[in-house]
Amino acid sequence: MKWKDECFTALDKENMFEDSGHRTRFKELMDCYSSYPFFNKGLCKCMYLSAWDEAHFCILLETLMDLSLGKEKNTEEMRSQGEILAEEQSTDEYYVYELANAFLDGKKFQMDYESKVSPEIRYIISRALSAAEIIDNV
């Protein structure tokens, strides 16, 4: 079994997908982009996070199409774009982009729990961090 399939199975087994849309979007991203040279565990974690909803999925899909057309070998350009997108946020969405950047950097994510972050965003971040642990252990 390929790593991408093992990863998907591990996440599915732990009930990490919120609904069938989340599962389908993640699987589509993995099927399309896991064979590119820029694919890594950090990007896989971003795929899980972005597959949460249609809007974030579309943003990542556009970025990945650009990377694949440019024959990129890493996610440096994506990381730069992530910084820009984070700074453009005036809501707690900022933390979602910061989490994605931490995944791409391979760094631990620390959120200031004193900040005003909605329960929904806290939940998404919590689930993405749990999924990241599963991905790291596949």
N, C-alpha and C. Protein backbone atom coordinates (compact mmCIF):
# COMPACT_ATOMS: atom_id res chain seq x y z
N MET A 1 0.85 -1.18 0.00
CA MET A 1 0.00 0.00 0.00
C MET A 1 0.90 1.24 0.00
N LYS A 2 0.54 2.21 -0.82
CA LYS A 2 1.30 3.46 -0.89
C LYS A 2 1.09 4.28 0.38
N TRP A 3 2.08 5.14 0.67
CA TRP A 3 2.00 5.97 1.87
C TRP A 3 0.73 6.81 1.88
N LYS A 4 0.37 7.40 0.74
CA LYS A 4 -0.82 8.25 0.69
C LYS A 4 -2.07 7.47 1.07
N ASP A 5 -2.14 6.22 0.65
CA ASP A 5 -3.29 5.39 1.00
C ASP A 5 -3.27 5.01 2.48
N GLU A 6 -2.09 4.72 2.99
CA GLU A 6 -1.97 4.41 4.42
C GLU A 6 -2.35 5.61 5.27
N CYS A 7 -1.96 6.79 4.82
CA CYS A 7 -2.29 8.02 5.53
C CYS A 7 -3.80 8.24 5.55
N PHE A 8 -4.41 8.12 4.39
CA PHE A 8 -5.85 8.31 4.30
C PHE A 8 -6.58 7.30 5.19
N THR A 9 -6.16 6.05 5.13
CA THR A 9 -6.78 5.00 5.93
C THR A 9 -6.63 5.27 7.42
N ALA A 10 -5.44 5.72 7.83
CA ALA A 10 -5.20 6.01 9.25
C ALA A 10 -6.09 7.15 9.74
N LEU A 11 -6.22 8.20 8.95
CA LEU A 11 -7.09 9.33 9.32
C LEU A 11 -8.55 8.89 9.36
N ASP A 12 -8.95 8.10 8.38
CA ASP A 12 -10.33 7.64 8.32
C ASP A 12 -10.65 6.71 9.50
N LYS A 13 -9.72 5.85 9.82
CA LYS A 13 -9.90 4.91 10.94
C LYS A 13 -10.10 5.65 12.26
N GLU A 14 -9.43 6.78 12.42
CA GLU A 14 -9.53 7.58 13.65
C GLU A 14 -10.67 8.61 13.59
N ASN A 15 -11.51 8.49 12.55
CA ASN A 15 -12.66 9.39 12.38
C ASN A 15 -12.25 10.87 12.37
N MET A 16 -11.21 11.18 11.63
CA MET A 16 -10.70 12.54 11.58
C MET A 16 -11.40 13.42 10.55
N PHE A 17 -12.23 12.84 9.71
CA PHE A 17 -12.93 13.64 8.71
C PHE A 17 -14.28 14.07 9.26
N GLU A 18 -14.58 15.34 9.10
CA GLU A 18 -15.81 15.91 9.65
C GLU A 18 -17.06 15.45 8.93
N ASP A 19 -16.91 15.23 7.63
CA ASP A 19 -18.05 14.79 6.83
C ASP A 19 -17.52 14.23 5.51
N SER A 20 -18.43 13.77 4.67
CA SER A 20 -17.99 13.16 3.41
C SER A 20 -17.29 14.17 2.49
N GLY A 21 -17.69 15.44 2.56
CA GLY A 21 -17.02 16.46 1.75
C GLY A 21 -15.57 16.64 2.16
N HIS A 22 -15.32 16.68 3.46
CA HIS A 22 -13.96 16.81 3.97
C HIS A 22 -13.12 15.62 3.50
N ARG A 23 -13.66 14.43 3.64
CA ARG A 23 -12.97 13.19 3.23
C ARG A 23 -12.67 13.22 1.73
N THR A 24 -13.66 13.58 0.93
CA THR A 24 -13.51 13.58 -0.53
C THR A 24 -12.49 14.62 -0.98
N ARG A 25 -12.58 15.83 -0.43
CA ARG A 25 -11.63 16.89 -0.82
C ARG A 25 -10.19 16.48 -0.48
N PHE A 26 -9.99 15.93 0.71
CA PHE A 26 -8.65 15.50 1.11
C PHE A 26 -8.14 14.40 0.17
N LYS A 27 -8.97 13.43 -0.11
CA LYS A 27 -8.56 12.32 -0.98
C LYS A 27 -8.22 12.83 -2.37
N GLU A 28 -9.00 13.76 -2.89
CA GLU A 28 -8.71 14.33 -4.21
C GLU A 28 -7.35 15.02 -4.23
N LEU A 29 -7.06 15.80 -3.19
CA LEU A 29 -5.75 16.47 -3.12
C LEU A 29 -4.62 15.45 -3.06
N MET A 30 -4.79 14.43 -2.24
CA MET A 30 -3.75 13.41 -2.12
C MET A 30 -3.56 12.67 -3.44
N ASP A 31 -4.67 12.28 -4.07
CA ASP A 31 -4.57 11.55 -5.34
C ASP A 31 -3.88 12.38 -6.41
N CYS A 32 -4.16 13.66 -6.44
CA CYS A 32 -3.60 14.52 -7.50
C CYS A 32 -2.16 14.97 -7.25
N TYR A 33 -1.79 15.20 -6.00
CA TYR A 33 -0.51 15.90 -5.75
C TYR A 33 0.51 15.13 -4.92
N SER A 34 0.20 13.95 -4.45
CA SER A 34 1.16 13.24 -3.59
C SER A 34 2.38 12.72 -4.34
N SER A 35 2.33 12.68 -5.66
CA SER A 35 3.48 12.18 -6.41
C SER A 35 4.42 13.31 -6.88
N TYR A 36 4.07 14.55 -6.59
CA TYR A 36 4.93 15.67 -7.00
C TYR A 36 6.12 15.80 -6.06
N PRO A 37 7.23 16.34 -6.56
CA PRO A 37 8.43 16.45 -5.72
C PRO A 37 8.26 17.39 -4.53
N PHE A 38 7.30 18.30 -4.58
CA PHE A 38 7.10 19.23 -3.46
C PHE A 38 6.23 18.63 -2.36
N PHE A 39 5.68 17.45 -2.59
CA PHE A 39 4.82 16.83 -1.58
C PHE A 39 5.65 16.34 -0.40
N ASN A 40 5.16 16.63 0.80
CA ASN A 40 5.80 16.14 2.03
C ASN A 40 4.73 16.06 3.12
N LYS A 41 5.13 15.61 4.29
CA LYS A 41 4.15 15.47 5.38
C LYS A 41 3.55 16.82 5.78
N GLY A 42 4.34 17.88 5.74
CA GLY A 42 3.81 19.21 6.06
C GLY A 42 2.71 19.62 5.10
N LEU A 43 2.92 19.36 3.83
CA LEU A 43 1.90 19.67 2.83
C LEU A 43 0.67 18.78 3.03
N CYS A 44 0.89 17.53 3.38
CA CYS A 44 -0.22 16.63 3.64
C CYS A 44 -1.09 17.17 4.78
N LYS A 45 -0.46 17.71 5.80
CA LYS A 45 -1.20 18.30 6.93
C LYS A 45 -1.99 19.52 6.46
N CYS A 46 -1.40 20.31 5.57
CA CYS A 46 -2.12 21.46 5.01
C CYS A 46 -3.31 21.00 4.18
N MET A 47 -3.14 19.90 3.49
CA MET A 47 -4.24 19.36 2.70
C MET A 47 -5.41 18.98 3.60
N TYR A 48 -5.11 18.33 4.73
CA TYR A 48 -6.17 17.98 5.67
C TYR A 48 -6.88 19.24 6.15
N LEU A 49 -6.09 20.25 6.53
CA LEU A 49 -6.64 21.50 7.04
C LEU A 49 -7.47 22.22 5.98
N SER A 50 -6.97 22.31 4.78
CA SER A 50 -7.68 23.05 3.73
C SER A 50 -8.91 22.31 3.23
N ALA A 51 -8.92 21.00 3.37
CA ALA A 51 -10.07 20.22 2.91
C ALA A 51 -11.27 20.38 3.82
N TRP A 52 -11.08 21.10 4.92
CA TRP A 52 -12.15 21.31 5.90
C TRP A 52 -13.39 21.92 5.26
N ASP A 53 -13.17 22.88 4.35
CA ASP A 53 -14.30 23.51 3.68
C ASP A 53 -13.93 23.85 2.24
N GLU A 54 -14.93 24.16 1.47
CA GLU A 54 -14.75 24.41 0.04
C GLU A 54 -13.86 25.63 -0.24
N ALA A 55 -14.01 26.69 0.54
CA ALA A 55 -13.26 27.92 0.29
C ALA A 55 -11.75 27.69 0.46
N HIS A 56 -11.35 27.07 1.56
CA HIS A 56 -9.92 26.82 1.79
C HIS A 56 -9.38 25.78 0.82
N PHE A 57 -10.21 24.82 0.49
CA PHE A 57 -9.83 23.80 -0.50
C PHE A 57 -9.49 24.47 -1.83
N CYS A 58 -10.31 25.40 -2.28
CA CYS A 58 -10.08 26.09 -3.55
C CYS A 58 -8.79 26.90 -3.53
N ILE A 59 -8.51 27.54 -2.40
CA ILE A 59 -7.27 28.32 -2.28
C ILE A 59 -6.06 27.41 -2.42
N LEU A 60 -6.09 26.28 -1.70
CA LEU A 60 -4.95 25.35 -1.78
C LEU A 60 -4.86 24.72 -3.15
N LEU A 61 -5.97 24.36 -3.73
CA LEU A 61 -5.97 23.75 -5.05
C LEU A 61 -5.33 24.68 -6.08
N GLU A 62 -5.68 25.95 -6.04
CA GLU A 62 -5.09 26.92 -6.96
C GLU A 62 -3.58 27.02 -6.75
N THR A 63 -3.16 27.05 -5.50
CA THR A 63 -1.73 27.12 -5.18
C THR A 63 -1.01 25.88 -5.68
N LEU A 64 -1.59 24.71 -5.45
CA LEU A 64 -0.94 23.47 -5.88
C LEU A 64 -0.88 23.36 -7.40
N MET A 65 -1.90 23.85 -8.09
CA MET A 65 -1.85 23.86 -9.56
C MET A 65 -0.70 24.73 -10.04
N ASP A 66 -0.54 25.90 -9.41
CA ASP A 66 0.56 26.79 -9.78
C ASP A 66 1.91 26.13 -9.51
N LEU A 67 2.04 25.45 -8.37
CA LEU A 67 3.30 24.78 -8.04
C LEU A 67 3.60 23.68 -9.05
N SER A 68 2.58 22.91 -9.41
CA SER A 68 2.81 21.80 -10.34
C SER A 68 3.15 22.30 -11.74
N LEU A 69 2.53 23.40 -12.15
CA LEU A 69 2.83 23.96 -13.48
C LEU A 69 4.23 24.56 -13.52
N GLY A 70 4.68 25.08 -12.39
CA GLY A 70 6.01 25.67 -12.32
C GLY A 70 7.09 24.65 -12.05
N LYS A 71 6.70 23.38 -11.95
CA LYS A 71 7.65 22.28 -11.70
C LYS A 71 8.46 22.51 -10.43
N GLU A 72 7.79 23.02 -9.40
CA GLU A 72 8.45 23.30 -8.12
C GLU A 72 8.89 22.00 -7.46
N LYS A 73 9.98 22.09 -6.70
CA LYS A 73 10.51 20.93 -5.99
C LYS A 73 10.29 21.04 -4.48
N ASN A 74 9.78 22.20 -4.02
CA ASN A 74 9.51 22.38 -2.60
C ASN A 74 8.33 23.34 -2.43
N THR A 75 8.01 23.63 -1.19
CA THR A 75 6.83 24.46 -0.91
C THR A 75 7.20 25.89 -0.48
N GLU A 76 8.39 26.34 -0.83
CA GLU A 76 8.83 27.68 -0.42
C GLU A 76 7.88 28.77 -0.93
N GLU A 77 7.47 28.67 -2.17
CA GLU A 77 6.56 29.67 -2.75
C GLU A 77 5.21 29.63 -2.04
N MET A 78 4.75 28.43 -1.74
CA MET A 78 3.49 28.28 -1.02
C MET A 78 3.60 28.88 0.37
N ARG A 79 4.73 28.69 1.00
CA ARG A 79 4.96 29.23 2.34
C ARG A 79 4.93 30.76 2.30
N SER A 80 5.55 31.34 1.30
CA SER A 80 5.53 32.80 1.15
C SER A 80 4.11 33.31 0.95
N GLN A 81 3.34 32.63 0.14
CA GLN A 81 1.96 33.02 -0.08
C GLN A 81 1.15 32.86 1.21
N GLY A 82 1.45 31.85 2.00
CA GLY A 82 0.77 31.64 3.27
C GLY A 82 0.98 32.79 4.23
N GLU A 83 2.19 33.34 4.24
CA GLU A 83 2.47 34.50 5.08
C GLU A 83 1.62 35.70 4.67
N ILE A 84 1.54 35.91 3.37
CA ILE A 84 0.76 37.03 2.85
C ILE A 84 -0.72 36.85 3.22
N LEU A 85 -1.23 35.64 3.00
CA LEU A 85 -2.64 35.37 3.32
C LEU A 85 -2.91 35.53 4.82
N ALA A 86 -1.98 35.11 5.65
CA ALA A 86 -2.17 35.26 7.11
C ALA A 86 -2.27 36.74 7.48
N GLU A 87 -1.39 37.54 6.93
CA GLU A 87 -1.37 38.97 7.27
C GLU A 87 -2.60 39.70 6.75
N GLU A 88 -3.23 39.17 5.72
CA GLU A 88 -4.44 39.79 5.16
C GLU A 88 -5.67 39.52 6.01
N GLN A 89 -5.57 38.60 6.95
CA GLN A 89 -6.74 38.21 7.75
C GLN A 89 -6.97 39.21 8.87
N SER A 90 -8.22 39.60 9.02
CA SER A 90 -8.58 40.52 10.10
C SER A 90 -9.42 39.79 11.16
N THR A 91 -9.57 38.48 10.98
CA THR A 91 -10.33 37.66 11.92
C THR A 91 -9.43 36.56 12.48
N ASP A 92 -10.03 35.66 13.23
CA ASP A 92 -9.24 34.57 13.79
C ASP A 92 -8.82 33.54 12.74
N GLU A 93 -9.22 33.75 11.49
CA GLU A 93 -8.72 32.93 10.38
C GLU A 93 -7.19 33.04 10.29
N TYR A 94 -6.66 34.14 10.81
CA TYR A 94 -5.22 34.34 10.85
C TYR A 94 -4.53 33.10 11.43
N TYR A 95 -5.10 32.52 12.47
CA TYR A 95 -4.49 31.37 13.14
C TYR A 95 -4.53 30.11 12.29
N VAL A 96 -5.51 30.00 11.43
CA VAL A 96 -5.57 28.86 10.52
C VAL A 96 -4.40 28.93 9.53
N TYR A 97 -4.14 30.11 9.01
CA TYR A 97 -3.01 30.27 8.09
C TYR A 97 -1.67 30.11 8.82
N GLU A 98 -1.60 30.57 10.04
CA GLU A 98 -0.37 30.39 10.82
C GLU A 98 -0.12 28.90 11.09
N LEU A 99 -1.18 28.16 11.34
CA LEU A 99 -1.05 26.71 11.53
C LEU A 99 -0.53 26.06 10.25
N ALA A 100 -1.09 26.43 9.12
CA ALA A 100 -0.62 25.88 7.84
C ALA A 100 0.86 26.21 7.64
N ASN A 101 1.26 27.44 7.96
CA ASN A 101 2.66 27.82 7.82
C ASN A 101 3.55 27.00 8.75
N ALA A 102 3.09 26.73 9.96
CA ALA A 102 3.86 25.90 10.89
C ALA A 102 4.00 24.49 10.33
N PHE A 103 2.94 23.97 9.73
CA PHE A 103 3.03 22.64 9.10
C PHE A 103 4.08 22.64 8.01
N LEU A 104 4.08 23.67 7.16
CA LEU A 104 5.05 23.74 6.06
C LEU A 104 6.47 23.91 6.58
N ASP A 105 6.62 24.62 7.70
CA ASP A 105 7.94 24.83 8.28
C ASP A 105 8.42 23.64 9.10
N GLY A 106 7.52 22.71 9.38
CA GLY A 106 7.87 21.58 10.23
C GLY A 106 8.08 21.99 11.67
N LYS A 107 7.37 23.04 12.08
CA LYS A 107 7.54 23.56 13.44
C LYS A 107 6.29 23.32 14.26
N LYS A 108 6.48 23.34 15.56
CA LYS A 108 5.37 23.20 16.48
C LYS A 108 4.53 24.47 16.45
N PHE A 109 3.22 24.31 16.51
CA PHE A 109 2.31 25.45 16.48
C PHE A 109 1.90 25.81 17.89
N GLN A 110 2.03 27.09 18.23
CA GLN A 110 1.61 27.59 19.53
C GLN A 110 0.64 28.74 19.30
N MET A 111 -0.55 28.56 19.82
CA MET A 111 -1.54 29.62 19.72
C MET A 111 -1.69 30.27 21.09
N ASP A 112 -1.75 31.56 21.08
CA ASP A 112 -1.98 32.31 22.31
C ASP A 112 -3.43 32.10 22.72
N TYR A 113 -3.64 31.34 23.79
CA TYR A 113 -5.00 31.03 24.21
C TYR A 113 -5.68 32.20 24.88
N GLU A 114 -4.97 33.28 25.07
CA GLU A 114 -5.58 34.50 25.58
C GLU A 114 -6.26 35.28 24.46
N SER A 115 -5.87 34.97 23.23
CA SER A 115 -6.44 35.69 22.10
C SER A 115 -7.91 35.30 21.91
N LYS A 116 -8.61 36.16 21.22
CA LYS A 116 -10.04 35.93 20.99
C LYS A 116 -10.21 35.09 19.73
N VAL A 117 -10.25 33.80 19.95
CA VAL A 117 -10.42 32.86 18.86
C VAL A 117 -11.74 32.14 19.07
N SER A 118 -12.53 32.11 18.04
CA SER A 118 -13.86 31.49 18.15
C SER A 118 -13.74 30.00 18.47
N PRO A 119 -14.77 29.47 19.09
CA PRO A 119 -14.77 28.02 19.38
C PRO A 119 -14.64 27.19 18.10
N GLU A 120 -15.22 27.66 17.01
CA GLU A 120 -15.13 26.93 15.73
C GLU A 120 -13.68 26.83 15.26
N ILE A 121 -12.96 27.94 15.29
CA ILE A 121 -11.56 27.94 14.84
C ILE A 121 -10.70 27.12 15.81
N ARG A 122 -10.95 27.22 17.09
CA ARG A 122 -10.22 26.39 18.07
C ARG A 122 -10.43 24.90 17.77
N TYR A 123 -11.66 24.55 17.43
CA TYR A 123 -11.97 23.16 17.12
C TYR A 123 -11.22 22.70 15.87
N ILE A 124 -11.25 23.51 14.83
CA ILE A 124 -10.56 23.17 13.59
C ILE A 124 -9.07 22.99 13.85
N ILE A 125 -8.48 23.90 14.58
CA ILE A 125 -7.05 23.82 14.89
C ILE A 125 -6.75 22.57 15.71
N SER A 126 -7.58 22.30 16.69
CA SER A 126 -7.40 21.11 17.53
C SER A 126 -7.45 19.83 16.70
N ARG A 127 -8.43 19.74 15.82
CA ARG A 127 -8.56 18.55 14.96
C ARG A 127 -7.38 18.43 13.99
N ALA A 128 -6.94 19.57 13.45
CA ALA A 128 -5.81 19.54 12.52
C ALA A 128 -4.53 19.11 13.23
N LEU A 129 -4.36 19.54 14.47
CA LEU A 129 -3.17 19.11 15.23
C LEU A 129 -3.24 17.61 15.54
N SER A 130 -4.43 17.11 15.82
CA SER A 130 -4.59 15.66 16.04
C SER A 130 -4.29 14.89 14.76
N ALA A 131 -4.80 15.39 13.63
CA ALA A 131 -4.53 14.75 12.35
C ALA A 131 -3.04 14.78 12.03
N ALA A 132 -2.38 15.88 12.39
CA ALA A 132 -0.94 16.00 12.13
C ALA A 132 -0.16 14.92 12.87
N GLU A 133 -0.56 14.61 14.08
CA GLU A 133 0.11 13.53 14.83
C GLU A 133 -0.07 12.19 14.12
N ILE A 134 -1.26 11.94 13.63
CA ILE A 134 -1.51 10.70 12.90
C ILE A 134 -0.65 10.65 11.65
N ILE A 135 -0.61 11.73 10.90
CA ILE A 135 0.19 11.80 9.68
C ILE A 135 1.66 11.57 9.99
N ASP A 136 2.16 12.15 11.06
CA ASP A 136 3.56 11.97 11.43
C ASP A 136 3.89 10.51 11.77
N ASN A 137 2.89 9.78 12.23
CA ASN A 137 3.13 8.39 12.65
C ASN A 137 2.82 7.35 11.58
N VAL A 138 2.43 7.80 10.40
CA VAL A 138 2.16 6.84 9.31
C VAL A 138 3.48 6.44 8.68
